[in-house]
Protein backbone atom coordinates (compact mmCIF):
# COMPACT_ATOMS: atom_id res chain seq x y z
CA MET A 1 18.67 17.73 4.17
CA ILE A 2 16.45 15.29 6.03
CA PRO A 3 15.00 13.27 3.13
CA ALA A 4 11.30 12.44 2.86
CA ALA A 5 12.16 8.72 2.82
CA ARG A 6 15.25 6.66 3.57
CA PRO A 7 15.46 2.95 2.64
CA GLU A 8 16.72 0.77 5.49
CA ILE A 9 19.41 -1.57 4.12
CA GLY A 10 22.02 -3.14 6.40
CA ILE A 11 24.79 -5.71 6.35
CA GLU A 12 22.33 -8.57 6.89
CA GLU A 13 20.63 -7.78 3.58
CA ARG A 14 23.98 -7.66 1.78
CA GLU A 15 24.99 -10.98 3.31
CA ALA A 16 21.69 -12.52 2.19
CA VAL A 17 22.26 -11.38 -1.38
CA ASP A 18 25.80 -12.77 -1.32
CA ARG A 19 24.46 -16.09 -0.01
CA VAL A 20 22.09 -16.36 -2.97
CA LEU A 21 24.75 -15.36 -5.49
CA GLN A 22 27.06 -18.04 -4.13
CA SER A 23 24.30 -20.66 -4.32
CA GLY A 24 23.98 -20.30 -8.08
CA MET A 25 20.16 -20.39 -7.92
CA LEU A 26 18.86 -16.93 -8.78
CA ALA A 27 15.31 -17.51 -10.04
CA GLN A 28 12.22 -18.89 -8.31
CA GLY A 29 13.52 -21.30 -5.66
CA PRO A 30 13.82 -22.00 -1.92
CA GLU A 31 14.28 -18.37 -0.87
CA VAL A 32 10.99 -17.40 -2.52
CA ALA A 33 9.19 -20.36 -0.95
CA ALA A 34 10.61 -19.50 2.47
CA PHE A 35 9.67 -15.83 2.12
CA GLU A 36 6.10 -16.78 1.21
CA SER A 37 5.87 -19.12 4.20
CA GLU A 38 7.33 -16.58 6.62
CA PHE A 39 5.19 -13.68 5.39
CA ALA A 40 2.08 -15.80 6.03
CA SER A 41 2.53 -15.06 9.74
CA LEU A 42 1.41 -11.47 9.02
CA VAL A 43 -1.86 -12.56 7.38
CA GLU A 44 -3.17 -15.26 9.73
CA GLY A 45 -1.44 -18.07 7.87
CA ARG A 46 -3.04 -17.38 4.50
CA ALA A 47 -1.41 -18.62 1.33
CA CYS A 48 1.14 -16.11 -0.01
CA ILE A 49 2.29 -15.81 -3.62
CA ALA A 50 5.37 -13.62 -4.19
CA MET A 51 5.57 -11.40 -7.28
CA ASN A 52 8.02 -9.06 -8.97
CA SER A 53 6.09 -5.94 -7.90
CA GLY A 54 3.11 -4.72 -5.93
CA THR A 55 1.38 -3.75 -9.17
CA SER A 56 1.72 -7.31 -10.46
CA ALA A 57 0.20 -8.53 -7.20
CA LEU A 58 -2.79 -6.22 -7.60
CA HIS A 59 -3.29 -7.15 -11.26
CA LEU A 60 -2.87 -10.91 -10.92
CA ALA A 61 -5.07 -11.09 -7.82
CA PHE A 62 -7.95 -9.78 -9.91
CA LEU A 63 -7.20 -12.05 -12.84
CA ALA A 64 -6.84 -15.08 -10.59
CA GLY A 65 -10.14 -14.22 -8.91
CA GLY A 66 -11.98 -14.10 -12.21
CA ILE A 67 -12.45 -10.33 -12.52
CA GLY A 68 -12.64 -9.27 -16.16
CA SER A 69 -14.55 -7.62 -18.98
CA GLY A 70 -18.04 -6.48 -18.05
CA ASP A 71 -17.28 -6.38 -14.31
CA GLU A 72 -17.09 -3.29 -12.11
CA VAL A 73 -14.76 -2.84 -9.14
CA ILE A 74 -15.36 -0.02 -6.68
CA ILE A 75 -12.17 1.81 -5.67
CA PRO A 76 -11.19 5.14 -4.12
CA SER A 77 -10.07 7.84 -6.52
CA PHE A 78 -7.60 9.21 -3.99
CA SER A 79 -4.82 6.65 -4.35
CA PHE A 80 -1.87 5.78 -6.55
CA ALA A 81 -2.71 5.03 -10.19
CA ALA A 82 -1.74 1.35 -9.82
CA THR A 83 -4.96 0.78 -7.85
CA ALA A 84 -7.05 1.64 -10.90
CA ASN A 85 -4.60 0.30 -13.47
CA ALA A 86 -4.83 -3.16 -11.94
CA VAL A 87 -8.59 -3.15 -12.48
CA ALA A 88 -8.50 -1.70 -15.98
CA LEU A 89 -5.81 -4.11 -17.16
CA THR A 90 -8.19 -7.02 -16.55
CA GLY A 91 -10.79 -5.44 -18.85
CA ALA A 92 -13.01 -4.57 -15.88
CA THR A 93 -14.14 -1.02 -15.08
CA PRO A 94 -12.83 0.85 -12.04
CA VAL A 95 -15.68 2.76 -10.39
CA PHE A 96 -14.21 5.72 -8.52
CA VAL A 97 -15.75 6.86 -5.23
CA GLU A 98 -14.94 9.18 -2.35
CA VAL A 99 -12.68 8.72 0.65
CA GLU A 100 -13.18 9.58 4.29
CA PRO A 101 -11.39 12.94 4.70
CA ASP A 102 -9.79 12.12 8.05
CA TYR A 103 -8.35 8.68 7.26
CA PHE A 104 -7.98 8.97 3.44
CA ALA A 105 -9.58 5.53 2.97
CA ILE A 106 -12.60 4.61 0.86
CA ASP A 107 -15.90 5.80 2.33
CA PRO A 108 -18.27 2.86 3.04
CA LYS A 109 -21.30 5.05 2.35
CA ALA A 110 -19.90 5.89 -1.08
CA ILE A 111 -19.38 2.18 -1.79
CA GLU A 112 -23.00 1.36 -1.07
CA ALA A 113 -24.21 4.15 -3.35
CA ALA A 114 -22.02 2.96 -6.25
CA ILE A 115 -23.11 -0.70 -6.36
CA THR A 116 -24.78 -1.83 -9.59
CA THR A 117 -25.69 -5.18 -11.13
CA LYS A 118 -22.20 -5.22 -12.69
CA THR A 119 -20.34 -4.72 -9.40
CA LYS A 120 -18.20 -7.75 -8.59
CA ALA A 121 -15.70 -6.44 -6.07
CA ILE A 122 -14.54 -3.68 -3.75
CA MET A 123 -10.90 -2.66 -3.39
CA PRO A 124 -10.21 -0.75 -0.19
CA VAL A 125 -6.79 0.95 -0.11
CA HIS A 126 -5.02 1.16 3.23
CA LEU A 127 -3.43 4.46 2.30
CA TYR A 128 -0.33 5.69 4.13
CA GLY A 129 -0.53 2.64 6.42
CA HIS A 130 -3.95 3.41 7.92
CA PRO A 131 -6.42 0.57 7.33
CA ALA A 132 -9.75 1.23 5.66
CA ASN A 133 -12.97 0.63 7.60
CA LEU A 134 -12.91 -3.11 6.96
CA VAL A 135 -15.71 -3.89 9.38
CA ALA A 136 -18.18 -1.72 7.48
CA ILE A 137 -16.80 -2.75 4.09
CA SER A 138 -17.09 -6.44 4.97
CA ALA A 139 -20.72 -5.95 5.98
CA ILE A 140 -21.46 -4.28 2.65
CA ALA A 141 -19.68 -7.02 0.73
CA ASP A 142 -21.60 -9.73 2.57
CA LYS A 143 -24.91 -7.95 2.03
CA HIS A 144 -24.41 -7.65 -1.72
CA GLY A 145 -22.41 -10.81 -2.40
CA LEU A 146 -19.23 -8.95 -3.42
CA GLN A 147 -15.56 -9.87 -3.13
CA ILE A 148 -12.99 -7.74 -1.30
CA TYR A 149 -9.50 -7.30 -2.76
CA GLU A 150 -7.34 -5.30 -0.35
CA ASP A 151 -4.69 -2.92 -1.63
CA ALA A 152 -2.31 -3.29 1.30
CA ALA A 153 0.74 -2.01 -0.58
CA GLN A 154 1.47 0.55 2.15
CA ALA A 155 0.17 -1.27 5.21
CA HIS A 156 2.35 -4.21 6.26
CA ALA A 157 1.24 -5.24 9.79
CA ALA A 158 -1.66 -2.78 10.01
CA SER A 159 -4.86 -4.18 11.50
CA VAL A 160 -8.48 -3.55 12.43
CA ASP A 161 -9.93 -4.99 15.65
CA GLY A 162 -6.89 -7.26 15.93
CA LYS A 163 -7.30 -8.75 12.45
CA PRO A 164 -4.43 -7.89 10.06
CA VAL A 165 -4.91 -6.28 6.68
CA GLY A 166 -4.48 -8.80 3.90
CA ALA A 167 -6.62 -11.28 5.86
CA TRP A 168 -10.06 -9.71 5.40
CA GLY A 169 -10.96 -10.19 1.75
CA ILE A 170 -10.51 -12.97 -0.76
CA ALA A 171 -7.09 -11.46 -1.53
CA GLY A 172 -4.70 -8.82 -0.30
CA SER A 173 -1.81 -7.29 -2.26
CA PHE A 174 1.41 -6.01 -0.72
CA SER A 175 4.34 -4.06 -2.17
CA PHE A 176 8.04 -4.29 -1.29
CA TYR A 177 9.18 -1.19 -3.19
CA PRO A 178 12.35 0.38 -1.68
CA THR A 179 10.52 3.04 0.38
CA LYS A 180 7.82 0.75 1.79
CA ASN A 181 7.83 -0.26 5.47
CA MET A 182 9.83 -3.30 4.39
CA THR A 183 11.47 -3.92 1.03
CA SER A 184 12.83 -6.74 -1.06
CA GLY A 185 14.53 -4.24 -3.38
CA GLU A 186 11.43 -4.53 -5.54
CA GLY A 187 8.59 -7.00 -5.27
CA GLY A 188 5.02 -7.75 -4.27
CA LEU A 189 2.89 -10.50 -2.80
CA ILE A 190 -0.70 -11.77 -2.85
CA SER A 191 -2.28 -13.21 0.29
CA THR A 192 -5.42 -15.26 -0.17
CA SER A 193 -7.90 -17.52 1.57
CA SER A 194 -8.92 -19.18 -1.71
CA LYS A 195 -7.20 -22.36 -2.90
CA GLU A 196 -8.38 -21.71 -6.46
CA LEU A 197 -7.19 -18.10 -6.49
CA GLU A 198 -3.84 -19.24 -5.11
CA ARG A 199 -3.48 -21.88 -7.83
CA GLN A 200 -4.43 -19.45 -10.59
CA ALA A 201 -2.07 -16.76 -9.27
CA ARG A 202 0.85 -19.19 -9.14
CA MET A 203 0.19 -20.21 -12.73
CA LEU A 204 -0.33 -16.66 -13.98
CA ARG A 205 2.99 -15.47 -12.54
CA ASN A 206 4.81 -18.39 -14.20
CA GLN A 207 3.77 -18.30 -17.86
CA GLY A 208 0.48 -20.04 -17.07
CA MET A 209 1.91 -23.31 -15.77
CA GLU A 210 2.19 -25.23 -12.52
CA ARG A 211 4.38 -27.91 -14.09
CA ARG A 212 7.09 -27.06 -16.57
CA TYR A 213 5.92 -26.89 -20.19
CA GLU A 214 2.35 -27.82 -19.22
CA ASN A 215 0.87 -24.36 -19.78
CA GLU A 216 -2.78 -24.37 -18.71
CA VAL A 217 -3.59 -20.67 -19.19
CA ILE A 218 -2.06 -17.65 -20.89
CA GLY A 219 0.22 -16.20 -18.26
CA PHE A 220 2.94 -13.71 -17.42
CA ASN A 221 6.46 -13.73 -16.07
CA THR A 222 6.01 -11.90 -12.77
CA ARG A 223 8.10 -14.16 -10.58
CA MET A 224 10.11 -12.84 -7.64
CA THR A 225 13.83 -13.60 -7.83
CA GLU A 226 15.78 -15.44 -5.15
CA ILE A 227 17.82 -12.29 -4.51
CA HIS A 228 14.74 -10.20 -3.81
CA ALA A 229 13.20 -12.90 -1.62
CA ALA A 230 16.41 -13.17 0.43
CA ILE A 231 16.33 -9.43 1.10
CA GLY A 232 12.65 -9.63 1.96
CA ARG A 233 13.26 -12.42 4.49
CA VAL A 234 15.81 -10.29 6.34
CA GLN A 235 13.56 -7.25 6.30
CA LEU A 236 10.59 -9.24 7.54
CA LYS A 237 12.51 -10.03 10.72
CA LYS A 238 13.04 -6.30 11.29
CA LEU A 239 9.50 -5.19 10.48
CA ALA A 240 8.06 -5.32 14.00
CA ALA A 241 10.79 -3.12 15.49
CA TRP A 242 10.65 -0.72 12.56
CA THR A 243 6.87 -0.47 12.86
CA ALA A 244 7.13 0.35 16.56
CA LYS A 245 9.68 3.07 15.77
CA ARG A 246 7.47 4.54 13.04
CA GLN A 247 4.59 4.66 15.51
CA SER A 248 6.78 6.25 18.17
CA ASN A 249 8.03 8.85 15.70
CA ALA A 250 4.46 9.55 14.59
CA ASN A 251 3.32 10.02 18.18
CA PHE A 252 6.12 12.50 18.78
CA LEU A 253 5.17 14.46 15.67
CA SER A 254 1.47 14.51 16.56
CA GLU A 255 2.21 15.73 20.08
CA ASN A 256 4.45 18.58 18.94
CA LEU A 257 3.34 19.86 15.54
CA ARG A 258 1.35 23.07 15.37
CA GLY A 259 -0.54 24.86 12.61
CA VAL A 260 -1.23 21.73 10.53
CA VAL A 261 -3.74 18.88 10.79
CA THR A 262 -2.02 15.74 12.06
CA PRO A 263 -3.25 12.26 11.04
CA PRO A 264 -5.74 10.61 13.43
CA THR A 265 -6.17 6.87 13.90
CA ALA A 266 -9.64 5.33 13.78
CA PRO A 267 -10.86 3.40 16.85
CA GLY A 268 -9.76 -0.23 16.69
CA SER A 269 -7.22 0.46 13.94
CA VAL A 270 -3.45 0.03 14.04
CA HIS A 271 -1.73 2.63 11.83
CA VAL A 272 1.76 1.63 10.61
CA TYR A 273 2.70 5.02 9.14
CA HIS A 274 4.13 4.20 5.77
CA GLN A 275 3.70 7.94 5.47
CA TYR A 276 3.04 10.53 8.14
CA THR A 277 0.63 12.70 6.21
CA ILE A 278 -0.46 16.07 7.49
CA LYS A 279 -3.09 18.33 5.96
CA VAL A 280 -2.02 21.87 5.15
CA ILE A 281 -5.27 23.81 5.26
CA ASP A 282 -4.38 27.39 6.20
CA HIS A 283 -1.56 27.75 3.68
CA ASP A 284 -0.77 26.96 0.07
CA ARG A 285 0.41 23.35 0.33
CA ASP A 286 2.93 23.49 -2.51
CA ARG A 287 4.52 26.68 -1.22
CA PHE A 288 4.57 25.14 2.26
CA ALA A 289 6.53 22.17 0.88
CA GLU A 290 8.96 24.49 -0.89
CA GLU A 291 9.62 26.33 2.37
CA LEU A 292 10.29 23.04 4.16
CA THR A 293 12.84 22.14 1.49
CA LYS A 294 14.58 25.50 1.84
CA ARG A 295 14.97 24.77 5.55
CA GLY A 296 16.32 21.25 5.00
CA VAL A 297 13.27 19.03 5.53
CA GLY A 298 12.08 16.83 2.67
CA SER A 299 8.42 16.08 2.03
CA GLY A 300 6.22 14.48 -0.60
CA VAL A 301 2.73 14.86 -2.05
CA TYR A 302 0.97 11.51 -2.33
CA TYR A 303 -1.05 12.11 -4.50
CA PRO A 304 -1.51 15.49 -6.22
CA THR A 305 -4.22 14.38 -8.67
CA PRO A 306 -7.13 12.02 -8.00
CA ILE A 307 -6.94 9.03 -10.35
CA HIS A 308 -10.17 9.82 -12.17
CA ARG A 309 -8.64 13.12 -13.34
CA LEU A 310 -5.39 11.64 -14.65
CA PRO A 311 -5.02 11.67 -18.46
CA SER A 312 -5.11 7.87 -18.43
CA PHE A 313 -8.75 7.94 -17.22
CA ASN A 314 -9.90 11.57 -17.61
CA LEU A 315 -13.38 11.15 -16.16
CA LYS A 316 -15.67 14.03 -15.21
CA LEU A 317 -16.89 12.96 -11.81
CA ASP A 318 -18.09 14.92 -8.80
CA LEU A 319 -15.68 13.83 -6.07
CA PRO A 320 -15.04 17.03 -4.09
CA ILE A 321 -13.44 15.37 -1.05
CA SER A 322 -10.85 13.61 -3.20
CA GLU A 323 -10.19 16.87 -5.04
CA ARG A 324 -9.78 18.76 -1.77
CA VAL A 325 -7.50 16.36 0.09
CA ALA A 326 -5.28 16.07 -3.00
CA LYS A 327 -4.59 19.79 -2.55
CA GLU A 328 -4.03 19.53 1.23
CA VAL A 329 -1.93 16.43 1.92
CA LEU A 330 1.79 16.56 2.61
CA SER A 331 3.88 13.66 3.90
CA ILE A 332 6.84 14.45 6.13
CA PRO A 333 9.63 12.18 7.44
CA VAL A 334 8.59 9.38 9.83
CA TYR A 335 10.90 6.47 8.90
CA PRO A 336 12.57 4.44 11.67
CA SER A 337 16.15 5.63 11.14
CA LEU A 338 15.25 9.22 12.08
CA THR A 339 17.29 10.39 15.04
CA GLN A 340 15.79 12.43 17.86
CA ASP A 341 17.73 15.44 16.60
CA GLU A 342 16.16 14.97 13.16
CA LEU A 343 12.68 14.61 14.65
CA ASP A 344 13.22 17.78 16.67
CA ARG A 345 14.33 19.54 13.51
CA VAL A 346 11.28 18.36 11.54
CA VAL A 347 8.99 19.70 14.25
CA GLU A 348 10.89 22.99 14.48
CA VAL A 349 10.81 23.57 10.74
CA VAL A 350 7.16 22.59 10.20
CA ASN A 351 6.03 24.79 13.08
CA GLU A 352 8.22 27.64 11.85
CA VAL A 353 6.78 27.48 8.33
CA ALA A 354 3.21 27.12 9.61
CA GLY A 355 3.68 30.09 11.94
CA ALA A 356 5.24 32.20 9.19
CA GLY A 357 2.11 31.93 7.04
CA ALA A 358 3.85 30.23 4.13
């Protein structure tokens, strides 16, 4: 079986963990500070605040930016639930809108139509590693005086017009979950251009205090450990090469797959292929996935249900594009450790299943 995802962990990561264990300092310390400083190179030198998860980064970015009860945040419904959970957990209201069907990112036209007097922010999601239309979204935000909080959980090193994701809005949130383009074992990070948001985020992750026992606000314990930061530092050094390999693998797939819709890249955008997501239009998607599995190729559906229809929100909204793409998308292997033989096999099997009318 060629799995849908394969975490990349080598001897350097194990040595980094051993180094931390031998140091005796396991909680927030020099490894975390170094990881934050080094990650800043991906976001034009912005301040970086490491967290215990990508969800914590999303949640605390909003809290640190002052989003709360009575506010509305416009988000795409076609995303992972954490996008909406992060808004709702602040007491604010997630306002669900459509995505662009080709790139799976929030539709700028839908954003404009959803703005009300309660709208405080927009959260574009760079789904699968393809950046949202940040040029258009920035223009809308400027026009209406709104903040942009980027959900960059799947898009490390993606960019638009040469400007990296995580450096467009007031804050960007990244994830280092095991299957992401780089991992820290588990973890997340906020990037921000705001000194005040940075200060608030650092306090919120640490029980509401900058200085020990001088708690200024009610906070959380969402700190990243030294062990996770040490892994993240090693992985960060490998990210550029891994990204190039993902892009090479994606190009090979796009050139050779038949009978499915391959993912395009918008002009000016750099796609980093956290997932290589095809659309299965002429077949039943779920049966198509089952046939791939029978032939030894793993796949995944991200995400089968738009967020507004999940039991946790259960809203009756008219979002036909989100409903449709949720039934069409299928992510197939693209990770950097794929061999050429495995890539050839993925192409052979997908084309075989597509041609068989699965």
